[in-house]
Structures are given as structure tokens and as C-alpha cells.
Amino acid sequence: MSEKNLERAVKKGLSAPFSRVLLRLLLSVLVIASITVFVTGLMKYDELQREKETLEKEKEALELEIEELQYLLDCPVDYDYIIRVAREKLGLHLPDEIIYYTDQNK
């Protein structure tokens, strides 16, 4: 075999396994990158789901508060309303009432 043929054979023999190794390396990197992107996206999705649930609970609480406030706006201003507001907001009571204080009132 001539020297040139020997060089070609050596180059061919080295380049084929090198290209296979390079191809496998690139495929491995691609698979790892894909898995990383998928897992990161899944974690972000879970975080957004938890945030959505929290916001929905907050929304329900605010809707309930709106209903209560609307009820108070719609109530007629009569004697019972004045008594209720005096008890709840001002802590007042009628002169003939006896008030008992317990630890639960705090």
C-alpha cells in the first residue's frame, strides 16, 4: 500500500467514528435541552395554577364582601337599622340591657 492510500485509510477510519461520536453528542445535548425546557415549563405551569387558585379564592371573598355591602346599602334606615349599627359599630346598648363579657368577646 502506498503512503497516500495509508493516509486516506487512516483519515477515513478516524473520521467515521468521530462523526458518529459527534452526532451522538449532539443528540444527547438536544435531548437534555428538551427535557430541561419541558420540566421548566411544567414547573411554571404548576406555579401559575396555584396562583390562579389563590386569585379565585380572593375573588370569591371579594364578591361576598360586595354582596354584604350591597345589602347594607339596600337596607332601609329605620329603628332596627339604627340599633344594629349602634351595637356593631359603636358598641352601644339599650339602658335596660344587661351585658355579659366573656373571653370570646375579645
PDB file of N, CA and C in Angstrom:
ATOM      1  N   MET A   1       0.840  -1.165   0.000  1.00  0.00           N
ATOM      2  CA  MET A   1       0.000   0.000   0.000  1.00  0.00           C
ATOM      3  C   MET A   1       0.887   1.230   0.000  1.00  0.00           C
ATOM      4  N   SER A   2       0.468   2.202  -0.750  1.00  0.00           N
ATOM      5  CA  SER A   2       1.268   3.419  -0.815  1.00  0.00           C
ATOM      6  C   SER A   2       0.984   4.304   0.392  1.00  0.00           C
ATOM      7  N   GLU A   3       1.834   5.253   0.500  1.00  0.00           N
ATOM      8  CA  GLU A   3       1.726   6.149   1.651  1.00  0.00           C
ATOM      9  C   GLU A   3       0.446   6.979   1.587  1.00  0.00           C
ATOM     10  N   LYS A   4       0.052   7.406   0.415  1.00  0.00           N
ATOM     11  CA  LYS A   4      -1.167   8.189   0.251  1.00  0.00           C
ATOM     12  C   LYS A   4      -2.401   7.347   0.589  1.00  0.00           C
ATOM     13  N   ASN A   5      -2.426   6.127   0.121  1.00  0.00           N
ATOM     14  CA  ASN A   5      -3.548   5.237   0.427  1.00  0.00           C
ATOM     15  C   ASN A   5      -3.639   4.977   1.929  1.00  0.00           C
ATOM     16  N   LEU A   6      -2.505   4.845   2.561  1.00  0.00           N
ATOM     17  CA  LEU A   6      -2.476   4.628   4.008  1.00  0.00           C
ATOM     18  C   LEU A   6      -3.031   5.846   4.740  1.00  0.00           C
ATOM     19  N   GLU A   7      -2.654   7.033   4.281  1.00  0.00           N
ATOM     20  CA  GLU A   7      -3.170   8.255   4.905  1.00  0.00           C
ATOM     21  C   GLU A   7      -4.676   8.358   4.729  1.00  0.00           C
ATOM     22  N   ARG A   8      -5.168   8.046   3.528  1.00  0.00           N
ATOM     23  CA  ARG A   8      -6.612   8.076   3.272  1.00  0.00           C
ATOM     24  C   ARG A   8      -7.355   7.074   4.152  1.00  0.00           C
ATOM     25  N   ALA A   9      -6.811   5.911   4.278  1.00  0.00           N
ATOM     26  CA  ALA A   9      -7.452   4.883   5.108  1.00  0.00           C
ATOM     27  C   ALA A   9      -7.492   5.311   6.564  1.00  0.00           C
ATOM     28  N   VAL A  10      -6.410   5.903   7.028  1.00  0.00           N
ATOM     29  CA  VAL A  10      -6.367   6.375   8.427  1.00  0.00           C
ATOM     30  C   VAL A  10      -7.363   7.502   8.626  1.00  0.00           C
ATOM     31  N   LYS A  11      -7.400   8.452   7.684  1.00  0.00           N
ATOM     32  CA  LYS A  11      -8.349   9.559   7.796  1.00  0.00           C
ATOM     33  C   LYS A  11      -9.791   9.062   7.735  1.00  0.00           C
ATOM     34  N   LYS A  12     -10.063   8.149   6.830  1.00  0.00           N
ATOM     35  CA  LYS A  12     -11.416   7.594   6.722  1.00  0.00           C
ATOM     36  C   LYS A  12     -11.790   6.856   7.994  1.00  0.00           C
ATOM     37  N   GLY A  13     -10.888   6.087   8.492  1.00  0.00           N
ATOM     38  CA  GLY A  13     -11.157   5.315   9.700  1.00  0.00           C
ATOM     39  C   GLY A  13     -11.377   6.205  10.911  1.00  0.00           C
ATOM     40  N   LEU A  14     -10.676   7.309  10.998  1.00  0.00           N
ATOM     41  CA  LEU A  14     -10.825   8.216  12.132  1.00  0.00           C
ATOM     42  C   LEU A  14     -12.031   9.123  11.985  1.00  0.00           C
ATOM     43  N   SER A  15     -12.344   9.532  10.772  1.00  0.00           N
ATOM     44  CA  SER A  15     -13.434  10.484  10.580  1.00  0.00           C
ATOM     45  C   SER A  15     -14.800   9.835  10.782  1.00  0.00           C
ATOM     46  N   ALA A  16     -14.989   8.597  10.393  1.00  0.00           N
ATOM     47  CA  ALA A  16     -16.293   7.949  10.549  1.00  0.00           C
ATOM     48  C   ALA A  16     -16.663   7.780  12.023  1.00  0.00           C
ATOM     49  N   PRO A  17     -15.808   7.230  12.877  1.00  0.00           N
ATOM     50  CA  PRO A  17     -16.170   7.138  14.291  1.00  0.00           C
ATOM     51  C   PRO A  17     -16.300   8.516  14.941  1.00  0.00           C
ATOM     52  N   PHE A  18     -15.484   9.471  14.513  1.00  0.00           N
ATOM     53  CA  PHE A  18     -15.561  10.817  15.076  1.00  0.00           C
ATOM     54  C   PHE A  18     -16.907  11.453  14.758  1.00  0.00           C
ATOM     55  N   SER A  19     -17.385  11.279  13.542  1.00  0.00           N
ATOM     56  CA  SER A  19     -18.675  11.858  13.168  1.00  0.00           C
ATOM     57  C   SER A  19     -19.815  11.164  13.912  1.00  0.00           C
ATOM     58  N   ARG A  20     -19.700   9.876  14.150  1.00  0.00           N
ATOM     59  CA  ARG A  20     -20.722   9.160  14.929  1.00  0.00           C
ATOM     60  C   ARG A  20     -20.738   9.654  16.369  1.00  0.00           C
ATOM     61  N   VAL A  21     -19.570   9.839  16.934  1.00  0.00           N
ATOM     62  CA  VAL A  21     -19.477  10.337  18.307  1.00  0.00           C
ATOM     63  C   VAL A  21     -20.037  11.754  18.387  1.00  0.00           C
ATOM     64  N   LEU A  22     -19.694  12.576  17.416  1.00  0.00           N
ATOM     65  CA  LEU A  22     -20.203  13.943  17.386  1.00  0.00           C
ATOM     66  C   LEU A  22     -21.718  13.956  17.237  1.00  0.00           C
ATOM     67  N   LEU A  23     -22.250  13.110  16.382  1.00  0.00           N
ATOM     68  CA  LEU A  23     -23.693  13.017  16.195  1.00  0.00           C
ATOM     69  C   LEU A  23     -24.384  12.576  17.481  1.00  0.00           C
ATOM     70  N   ARG A  24     -23.837  11.576  18.140  1.00  0.00           N
ATOM     71  CA  ARG A  24     -24.411  11.106  19.411  1.00  0.00           C
ATOM     72  C   ARG A  24     -24.349  12.193  20.479  1.00  0.00           C
ATOM     73  N   LEU A  25     -23.256  12.918  20.508  1.00  0.00           N
ATOM     74  CA  LEU A  25     -23.103  14.001  21.473  1.00  0.00           C
ATOM     75  C   LEU A  25     -24.135  15.090  21.225  1.00  0.00           C
ATOM     76  N   LEU A  26     -24.314  15.465  19.976  1.00  0.00           N
ATOM     77  CA  LEU A  26     -25.304  16.487  19.637  1.00  0.00           C
ATOM     78  C   LEU A  26     -26.725  16.026  19.968  1.00  0.00           C
ATOM     79  N   LEU A  27     -27.034  14.780  19.671  1.00  0.00           N
ATOM     80  CA  LEU A  27     -28.359  14.247  20.002  1.00  0.00           C
ATOM     81  C   LEU A  27     -28.574  14.224  21.522  1.00  0.00           C
ATOM     82  N   SER A  28     -27.548  13.863  22.262  1.00  0.00           N
ATOM     83  CA  SER A  28     -27.645  13.849  23.718  1.00  0.00           C
ATOM     84  C   SER A  28     -27.906  15.247  24.263  1.00  0.00           C
ATOM     85  N   VAL A  29     -27.177  16.219  23.747  1.00  0.00           N
ATOM     86  CA  VAL A  29     -27.377  17.596  24.179  1.00  0.00           C
ATOM     87  C   VAL A  29     -28.792  18.062  23.833  1.00  0.00           C
ATOM     88  N   LEU A  30     -29.271  17.708  22.664  1.00  0.00           N
ATOM     89  CA  LEU A  30     -30.622  18.073  22.251  1.00  0.00           C
ATOM     90  C   LEU A  30     -31.673  17.448  23.165  1.00  0.00           C
ATOM     91  N   VAL A  31     -31.508  16.189  23.496  1.00  0.00           N
ATOM     92  CA  VAL A  31     -32.460  15.508  24.381  1.00  0.00           C
ATOM     93  C   VAL A  31     -32.440  16.140  25.773  1.00  0.00           C
ATOM     94  N   ILE A  32     -31.263  16.409  26.300  1.00  0.00           N
ATOM     95  CA  ILE A  32     -31.152  17.014  27.628  1.00  0.00           C
ATOM     96  C   ILE A  32     -31.777  18.414  27.635  1.00  0.00           C
ATOM     97  N   ALA A  33     -31.529  19.192  26.587  1.00  0.00           N
ATOM     98  CA  ALA A  33     -32.111  20.534  26.490  1.00  0.00           C
ATOM     99  C   ALA A  33     -33.640  20.450  26.404  1.00  0.00           C
ATOM    100  N   SER A  34     -34.151  19.501  25.650  1.00  0.00           N
ATOM    101  CA  SER A  34     -35.606  19.330  25.524  1.00  0.00           C
ATOM    102  C   SER A  34     -36.225  18.959  26.861  1.00  0.00           C
ATOM    103  N   ILE A  35     -35.602  18.057  27.576  1.00  0.00           N
ATOM    104  CA  ILE A  35     -36.116  17.645  28.884  1.00  0.00           C
ATOM    105  C   ILE A  35     -36.086  18.825  29.850  1.00  0.00           C
ATOM    106  N   THR A  36     -35.011  19.601  29.821  1.00  0.00           N
ATOM    107  CA  THR A  36     -34.903  20.764  30.704  1.00  0.00           C
ATOM    108  C   THR A  36     -35.992  21.779  30.410  1.00  0.00           C
ATOM    109  N   VAL A  37     -36.225  22.060  29.154  1.00  0.00           N
ATOM    110  CA  VAL A  37     -37.273  23.012  28.778  1.00  0.00           C
ATOM    111  C   VAL A  37     -38.644  22.491  29.197  1.00  0.00           C
ATOM    112  N   PHE A  38     -38.890  21.219  29.008  1.00  0.00           N
ATOM    113  CA  PHE A  38     -40.171  20.624  29.380  1.00  0.00           C
ATOM    114  C   PHE A  38     -40.398  20.712  30.880  1.00  0.00           C
ATOM    115  N   VAL A  39     -39.413  20.336  31.673  1.00  0.00           N
ATOM    116  CA  VAL A  39     -39.549  20.351  33.134  1.00  0.00           C
ATOM    117  C   VAL A  39     -39.724  21.782  33.636  1.00  0.00           C
ATOM    118  N   THR A  40     -38.974  22.713  33.077  1.00  0.00           N
ATOM    119  CA  THR A  40     -39.112  24.115  33.469  1.00  0.00           C
ATOM    120  C   THR A  40     -40.517  24.630  33.149  1.00  0.00           C
ATOM    121  N   GLY A  41     -41.019  24.300  31.992  1.00  0.00           N
ATOM    122  CA  GLY A  41     -42.373  24.700  31.613  1.00  0.00           C
ATOM    123  C   GLY A  41     -43.422  24.083  32.515  1.00  0.00           C
ATOM    124  N   LEU A  42     -43.225  22.833  32.888  1.00  0.00           N
ATOM    125  CA  LEU A  42     -44.163  22.157  33.781  1.00  0.00           C
ATOM    126  C   LEU A  42     -44.173  22.804  35.160  1.00  0.00           C
ATOM    127  N   MET A  43     -43.004  23.173  35.652  1.00  0.00           N
ATOM    128  CA  MET A  43     -42.928  23.832  36.957  1.00  0.00           C
ATOM    129  C   MET A  43     -43.604  25.202  36.906  1.00  0.00           C
ATOM    130  N   LYS A  44     -43.414  25.938  35.839  1.00  0.00           N
ATOM    131  CA  LYS A  44     -44.054  27.244  35.686  1.00  0.00           C
ATOM    132  C   LYS A  44     -45.569  27.084  35.587  1.00  0.00           C
ATOM    133  N   TYR A  45     -46.028  26.058  34.903  1.00  0.00           N
ATOM    134  CA  TYR A  45     -47.466  25.785  34.793  1.00  0.00           C
ATOM    135  C   TYR A  45     -48.065  25.509  36.165  1.00  0.00           C
ATOM    136  N   ASP A  46     -47.398  24.683  36.970  1.00  0.00           N
ATOM    137  CA  ASP A  46     -47.886  24.392  38.316  1.00  0.00           C
ATOM    138  C   ASP A  46     -47.949  25.655  39.169  1.00  0.00           C
ATOM    139  N   GLU A  47     -46.938  26.498  39.058  1.00  0.00           N
ATOM    140  CA  GLU A  47     -46.911  27.753  39.815  1.00  0.00           C
ATOM    141  C   GLU A  47     -48.078  28.648  39.408  1.00  0.00           C
ATOM    142  N   LEU A  48     -48.340  28.726  38.117  1.00  0.00           N
ATOM    143  CA  LEU A  48     -49.452  29.549  37.628  1.00  0.00           C
ATOM    144  C   LEU A  48     -50.800  28.981  38.068  1.00  0.00           C
ATOM    145  N   GLN A  49     -50.917  27.659  38.119  1.00  0.00           N
ATOM    146  CA  GLN A  49     -52.163  27.044  38.589  1.00  0.00           C
ATOM    147  C   GLN A  49     -52.421  27.398  40.052  1.00  0.00           C
ATOM    148  N   ARG A  50     -51.367  27.330  40.892  1.00  0.00           N
ATOM    149  CA  ARG A  50     -51.527  27.686  42.304  1.00  0.00           C
ATOM    150  C   ARG A  50     -51.908  29.162  42.447  1.00  0.00           C
ATOM    151  N   GLU A  51     -51.295  30.011  41.654  1.00  0.00           N
ATOM    152  CA  GLU A  51     -51.621  31.436  41.698  1.00  0.00           C
ATOM    153  C   GLU A  51     -53.063  31.671  41.250  1.00  0.00           C
ATOM    154  N   LYS A  52     -53.503  30.924  40.252  1.00  0.00           N
ATOM    155  CA  LYS A  52     -54.881  31.052  39.771  1.00  0.00           C
ATOM    156  C   LYS A  52     -55.872  30.665  40.867  1.00  0.00           C
ATOM    157  N   GLU A  53     -55.587  29.568  41.571  1.00  0.00           N
ATOM    158  CA  GLU A  53     -56.471  29.134  42.655  1.00  0.00           C
ATOM    159  C   GLU A  53     -56.529  30.179  43.759  1.00  0.00           C
ATOM    160  N   THR A  54     -55.382  30.756  44.106  1.00  0.00           N
ATOM    161  CA  THR A  54     -55.334  31.789  45.137  1.00  0.00           C
ATOM    162  C   THR A  54     -56.159  33.001  44.718  1.00  0.00           C
ATOM    163  N   LEU A  55     -56.004  33.421  43.477  1.00  0.00           N
ATOM    164  CA  LEU A  55     -56.749  34.581  42.982  1.00  0.00           C
ATOM    165  C   LEU A  55     -58.249  34.300  42.912  1.00  0.00           C
ATOM    166  N   GLU A  56     -58.631  33.070  42.572  1.00  0.00           N
ATOM    167  CA  GLU A  56     -60.055  32.735  42.535  1.00  0.00           C
ATOM    168  C   GLU A  56     -60.662  32.779  43.931  1.00  0.00           C
ATOM    169  N   LYS A  57     -59.921  32.298  44.941  1.00  0.00           N
ATOM    170  CA  LYS A  57     -60.414  32.365  46.324  1.00  0.00           C
ATOM    171  C   LYS A  57     -60.560  33.811  46.771  1.00  0.00           C
ATOM    172  N   GLU A  58     -59.574  34.621  46.413  1.00  0.00           N
ATOM    173  CA  GLU A  58     -59.632  36.044  46.763  1.00  0.00           C
ATOM    174  C   GLU A  58     -60.816  36.711  46.072  1.00  0.00           C
ATOM    175  N   LYS A  59     -61.059  36.342  44.827  1.00  0.00           N
ATOM    176  CA  LYS A  59     -62.186  36.897  44.074  1.00  0.00           C
ATOM    177  C   LYS A  59     -63.511  36.530  44.742  1.00  0.00           C
ATOM    178  N   GLU A  60     -63.648  35.276  45.170  1.00  0.00           N
ATOM    179  CA  GLU A  60     -64.879  34.842  45.839  1.00  0.00           C
ATOM    180  C   GLU A  60     -65.094  35.614  47.136  1.00  0.00           C
ATOM    181  N   ALA A  61     -64.019  35.830  47.907  1.00  0.00           N
ATOM    182  CA  ALA A  61     -64.129  36.578  49.154  1.00  0.00           C
ATOM    183  C   ALA A  61     -64.555  38.013  48.883  1.00  0.00           C
ATOM    184  N   LEU A  62     -64.001  38.615  47.841  1.00  0.00           N
ATOM    185  CA  LEU A  62     -64.365  39.984  47.497  1.00  0.00           C
ATOM    186  C   LEU A  62     -65.802  40.078  46.994  1.00  0.00           C
ATOM    187  N   GLU A  63     -66.239  39.076  46.243  1.00  0.00           N
ATOM    188  CA  GLU A  63     -67.632  39.070  45.782  1.00  0.00           C
ATOM    189  C   GLU A  63     -68.593  38.962  46.964  1.00  0.00           C
ATOM    190  N   LEU A  64     -68.246  38.154  47.958  1.00  0.00           N
ATOM    191  CA  LEU A  64     -69.072  38.036  49.155  1.00  0.00           C
ATOM    192  C   LEU A  64     -69.113  39.366  49.901  1.00  0.00           C
ATOM    193  N   GLU A  65     -67.974  40.022  50.004  1.00  0.00           N
ATOM    194  CA  GLU A  65     -67.934  41.329  50.677  1.00  0.00           C
ATOM    195  C   GLU A  65     -68.784  42.348  49.925  1.00  0.00           C
ATOM    196  N   ILE A  66     -68.752  42.301  48.599  1.00  0.00           N
ATOM    197  CA  ILE A  66     -69.572  43.214  47.792  1.00  0.00           C
ATOM    198  C   ILE A  66     -71.053  42.963  48.055  1.00  0.00           C
ATOM    199  N   GLU A  67     -71.448  41.689  48.133  1.00  0.00           N
ATOM    200  CA  GLU A  67     -72.849  41.365  48.418  1.00  0.00           C
ATOM    201  C   GLU A  67     -73.269  41.886  49.786  1.00  0.00           C
ATOM    202  N   GLU A  68     -72.399  41.732  50.780  1.00  0.00           N
ATOM    203  CA  GLU A  68     -72.720  42.225  52.126  1.00  0.00           C
ATOM    204  C   GLU A  68     -72.856  43.745  52.135  1.00  0.00           C
ATOM    205  N   LEU A  69     -71.943  44.422  51.463  1.00  0.00           N
ATOM    206  CA  LEU A  69     -72.011  45.876  51.407  1.00  0.00           C
ATOM    207  C   LEU A  69     -73.235  46.353  50.630  1.00  0.00           C
ATOM    208  N   GLN A  70     -73.572  45.640  49.564  1.00  0.00           N
ATOM    209  CA  GLN A  70     -74.764  45.999  48.792  1.00  0.00           C
ATOM    210  C   GLN A  70     -76.020  45.811  49.644  1.00  0.00           C
ATOM    211  N   TYR A  71     -76.033  44.755  50.458  1.00  0.00           N
ATOM    212  CA  TYR A  71     -77.163  44.525  51.357  1.00  0.00           C
ATOM    213  C   TYR A  71     -77.292  45.691  52.337  1.00  0.00           C
ATOM    214  N   LEU A  72     -76.153  46.143  52.869  1.00  0.00           N
ATOM    215  CA  LEU A  72     -76.200  47.267  53.803  1.00  0.00           C
ATOM    216  C   LEU A  72     -76.667  48.547  53.118  1.00  0.00           C
ATOM    217  N   LEU A  73     -76.290  48.732  51.865  1.00  0.00           N
ATOM    218  CA  LEU A  73     -76.761  49.912  51.129  1.00  0.00           C
ATOM    219  C   LEU A  73     -78.255  49.851  50.845  1.00  0.00           C
ATOM    220  N   ASP A  74     -78.746  48.648  50.591  1.00  0.00           N
ATOM    221  CA  ASP A  74     -80.159  48.493  50.241  1.00  0.00           C
ATOM    222  C   ASP A  74     -81.080  48.494  51.458  1.00  0.00           C
ATOM    223  N   CYS A  75     -80.525  48.312  52.650  1.00  0.00           N
ATOM    224  CA  CYS A  75     -81.347  48.276  53.868  1.00  0.00           C
ATOM    225  C   CYS A  75     -81.990  49.638  54.103  1.00  0.00           C
ATOM    226  N   PRO A  76     -83.244  49.627  54.498  1.00  0.00           N
ATOM    227  CA  PRO A  76     -83.879  50.906  54.829  1.00  0.00           C
ATOM    228  C   PRO A  76     -83.329  51.433  56.164  1.00  0.00           C
ATOM    229  N   VAL A  77     -83.263  52.733  56.286  1.00  0.00           N
ATOM    230  CA  VAL A  77     -82.789  53.343  57.531  1.00  0.00           C
ATOM    231  C   VAL A  77     -84.008  53.484  58.442  1.00  0.00           C
ATOM    232  N   ASP A  78     -84.180  52.485  59.305  1.00  0.00           N
ATOM    233  CA  ASP A  78     -85.280  52.504  60.251  1.00  0.00           C
ATOM    234  C   ASP A  78     -84.716  52.289  61.658  1.00  0.00           C
ATOM    235  N   TYR A  79     -85.583  52.124  62.623  1.00  0.00           N
ATOM    236  CA  TYR A  79     -85.162  51.987  64.016  1.00  0.00           C
ATOM    237  C   TYR A  79     -84.256  50.759  64.202  1.00  0.00           C
ATOM    238  N   ASP A  80     -84.620  49.627  63.608  1.00  0.00           N
ATOM    239  CA  ASP A  80     -83.801  48.412  63.743  1.00  0.00           C
ATOM    240  C   ASP A  80     -82.398  48.602  63.147  1.00  0.00           C
ATOM    241  N   TYR A  81     -82.328  49.298  62.024  1.00  0.00           N
ATOM    242  CA  TYR A  81     -81.032  49.560  61.404  1.00  0.00           C
ATOM    243  C   TYR A  81     -80.164  50.429  62.315  1.00  0.00           C
ATOM    244  N   ILE A  82     -80.753  51.446  62.904  1.00  0.00           N
ATOM    245  CA  ILE A  82     -80.009  52.340  63.794  1.00  0.00           C
ATOM    246  C   ILE A  82     -79.508  51.581  65.014  1.00  0.00           C
ATOM    247  N   ILE A  83     -80.352  50.725  65.583  1.00  0.00           N
ATOM    248  CA  ILE A  83     -79.953  49.923  66.746  1.00  0.00           C
ATOM    249  C   ILE A  83     -78.809  48.984  66.365  1.00  0.00           C
ATOM    250  N   ARG A  84     -78.920  48.315  65.232  1.00  0.00           N
ATOM    251  CA  ARG A  84     -77.876  47.382  64.806  1.00  0.00           C
ATOM    252  C   ARG A  84     -76.539  48.089  64.585  1.00  0.00           C
ATOM    253  N   VAL A  85     -76.566  49.232  63.919  1.00  0.00           N
ATOM    254  CA  VAL A  85     -75.333  49.978  63.683  1.00  0.00           C
ATOM    255  C   VAL A  85     -74.745  50.463  65.005  1.00  0.00           C
ATOM    256  N   ALA A  86     -75.600  50.923  65.919  1.00  0.00           N
ATOM    257  CA  ALA A  86     -75.117  51.397  67.222  1.00  0.00           C
ATOM    258  C   ALA A  86     -74.450  50.259  67.987  1.00  0.00           C
ATOM    259  N   ARG A  87     -74.997  49.060  67.896  1.00  0.00           N
ATOM    260  CA  ARG A  87     -74.391  47.908  68.589  1.00  0.00           C
ATOM    261  C   ARG A  87     -73.079  47.481  67.923  1.00  0.00           C
ATOM    262  N   GLU A  88     -73.107  47.318  66.596  1.00  0.00           N
ATOM    263  CA  GLU A  88     -71.942  46.782  65.885  1.00  0.00           C
ATOM    264  C   GLU A  88     -70.792  47.777  65.804  1.00  0.00           C
ATOM    265  N   LYS A  89     -71.073  48.991  65.426  1.00  0.00           N
ATOM    266  CA  LYS A  89     -70.008  49.960  65.167  1.00  0.00           C
ATOM    267  C   LYS A  89     -69.585  50.728  66.415  1.00  0.00           C
ATOM    268  N   LEU A  90     -70.546  51.067  67.258  1.00  0.00           N
ATOM    269  CA  LEU A  90     -70.240  51.930  68.395  1.00  0.00           C
ATOM    270  C   LEU A  90     -70.187  51.186  69.732  1.00  0.00           C
ATOM    271  N   GLY A  91     -70.644  49.932  69.746  1.00  0.00           N
ATOM    272  CA  GLY A  91     -70.618  49.153  70.984  1.00  0.00           C
ATOM    273  C   GLY A  91     -71.640  49.627  72.012  1.00  0.00           C
ATOM    274  N   LEU A  92     -72.684  50.295  71.553  1.00  0.00           N
ATOM    275  CA  LEU A  92     -73.712  50.807  72.467  1.00  0.00           C
ATOM    276  C   LEU A  92     -74.747  49.731  72.760  1.00  0.00           C
ATOM    277  N   HIS A  93     -75.535  49.970  73.805  1.00  0.00           N
ATOM    278  CA  HIS A  93     -76.626  49.050  74.154  1.00  0.00           C
ATOM    279  C   HIS A  93     -77.761  49.862  74.751  1.00  0.00           C
ATOM    280  N   LEU A  94     -78.912  49.247  74.839  1.00  0.00           N
ATOM    281  CA  LEU A  94     -80.081  49.901  75.397  1.00  0.00           C
ATOM    282  C   LEU A  94     -79.934  49.974  76.919  1.00  0.00           C
ATOM    283  N   PRO A  95     -80.583  50.944  77.558  1.00  0.00           N
ATOM    284  CA  PRO A  95     -80.416  51.127  79.008  1.00  0.00           C
ATOM    285  C   PRO A  95     -80.870  49.930  79.851  1.00  0.00           C
ATOM    286  N   ASP A  96     -81.883  49.198  79.414  1.00  0.00           N
ATOM    287  CA  ASP A  96     -82.393  48.098  80.220  1.00  0.00           C
ATOM    288  C   ASP A  96     -81.703  46.759  79.916  1.00  0.00           C
ATOM    289  N   GLU A  97     -80.700  46.743  79.037  1.00  0.00           N
ATOM    290  CA  GLU A  97     -79.988  45.508  78.689  1.00  0.00           C
ATOM    291  C   GLU A  97     -78.859  45.249  79.682  1.00  0.00           C
ATOM    292  N   ILE A  98     -78.638  43.972  79.945  1.00  0.00           N
ATOM    293  CA  ILE A  98     -77.511  43.556  80.776  1.00  0.00           C
ATOM    294  C   ILE A  98     -76.484  42.928  79.840  1.00  0.00           C
ATOM    295  N   ILE A  99     -75.259  43.413  79.906  1.00  0.00           N
ATOM    296  CA  ILE A  99     -74.192  42.942  79.024  1.00  0.00           C
ATOM    297  C   ILE A  99     -73.261  42.049  79.825  1.00  0.00           C
ATOM    298  N   TYR A 100     -73.005  40.869  79.287  1.00  0.00           N
ATOM    299  CA  TYR A 100     -72.065  39.937  79.903  1.00  0.00           C
ATOM    300  C   TYR A 100     -70.816  39.878  79.038  1.00  0.00           C
ATOM    301  N   TYR A 101     -69.676  40.051  79.654  1.00  0.00           N
ATOM    302  CA  TYR A 101     -68.409  39.985  78.924  1.00  0.00           C
ATOM    303  C   TYR A 101     -67.724  38.662  79.188  1.00  0.00           C
ATOM    304  N   THR A 102     -67.268  38.048  78.133  1.00  0.00           N
ATOM    305  CA  THR A 102     -66.513  36.812  78.237  1.00  0.00           C
ATOM    306  C   THR A 102     -65.231  36.957  77.444  1.00  0.00           C
ATOM    307  N   ASP A 103     -64.373  35.958  77.521  1.00  0.00           N
ATOM    308  CA  ASP A 103     -63.135  35.996  76.751  1.00  0.00           C
ATOM    309  C   ASP A 103     -63.406  35.910  75.248  1.00  0.00           C
ATOM    310  N   GLN A 104     -64.546  35.387  74.872  1.00  0.00           N
ATOM    311  CA  GLN A 104     -64.880  35.252  73.468  1.00  0.00           C
ATOM    312  C   GLN A 104     -65.204  36.582  72.813  1.00  0.00           C
ATOM    313  N   ASN A 105     -65.563  37.584  73.595  1.00  0.00           N
ATOM    314  CA  ASN A 105     -65.905  38.888  73.051  1.00  0.00           C
ATOM    315  C   ASN A 105     -64.694  39.674  72.591  1.00  0.00           C
ATOM    316  N   LYS A 106     -63.483  39.251  72.940  1.00  0.00           N
ATOM    317  CA  LYS A 106     -62.273  39.998  72.601  1.00  0.00           C
ATOM    318  C   LYS A 106     -61.897  39.831  71.176  1.00  0.00           C
TER     319      LYS A 106
END
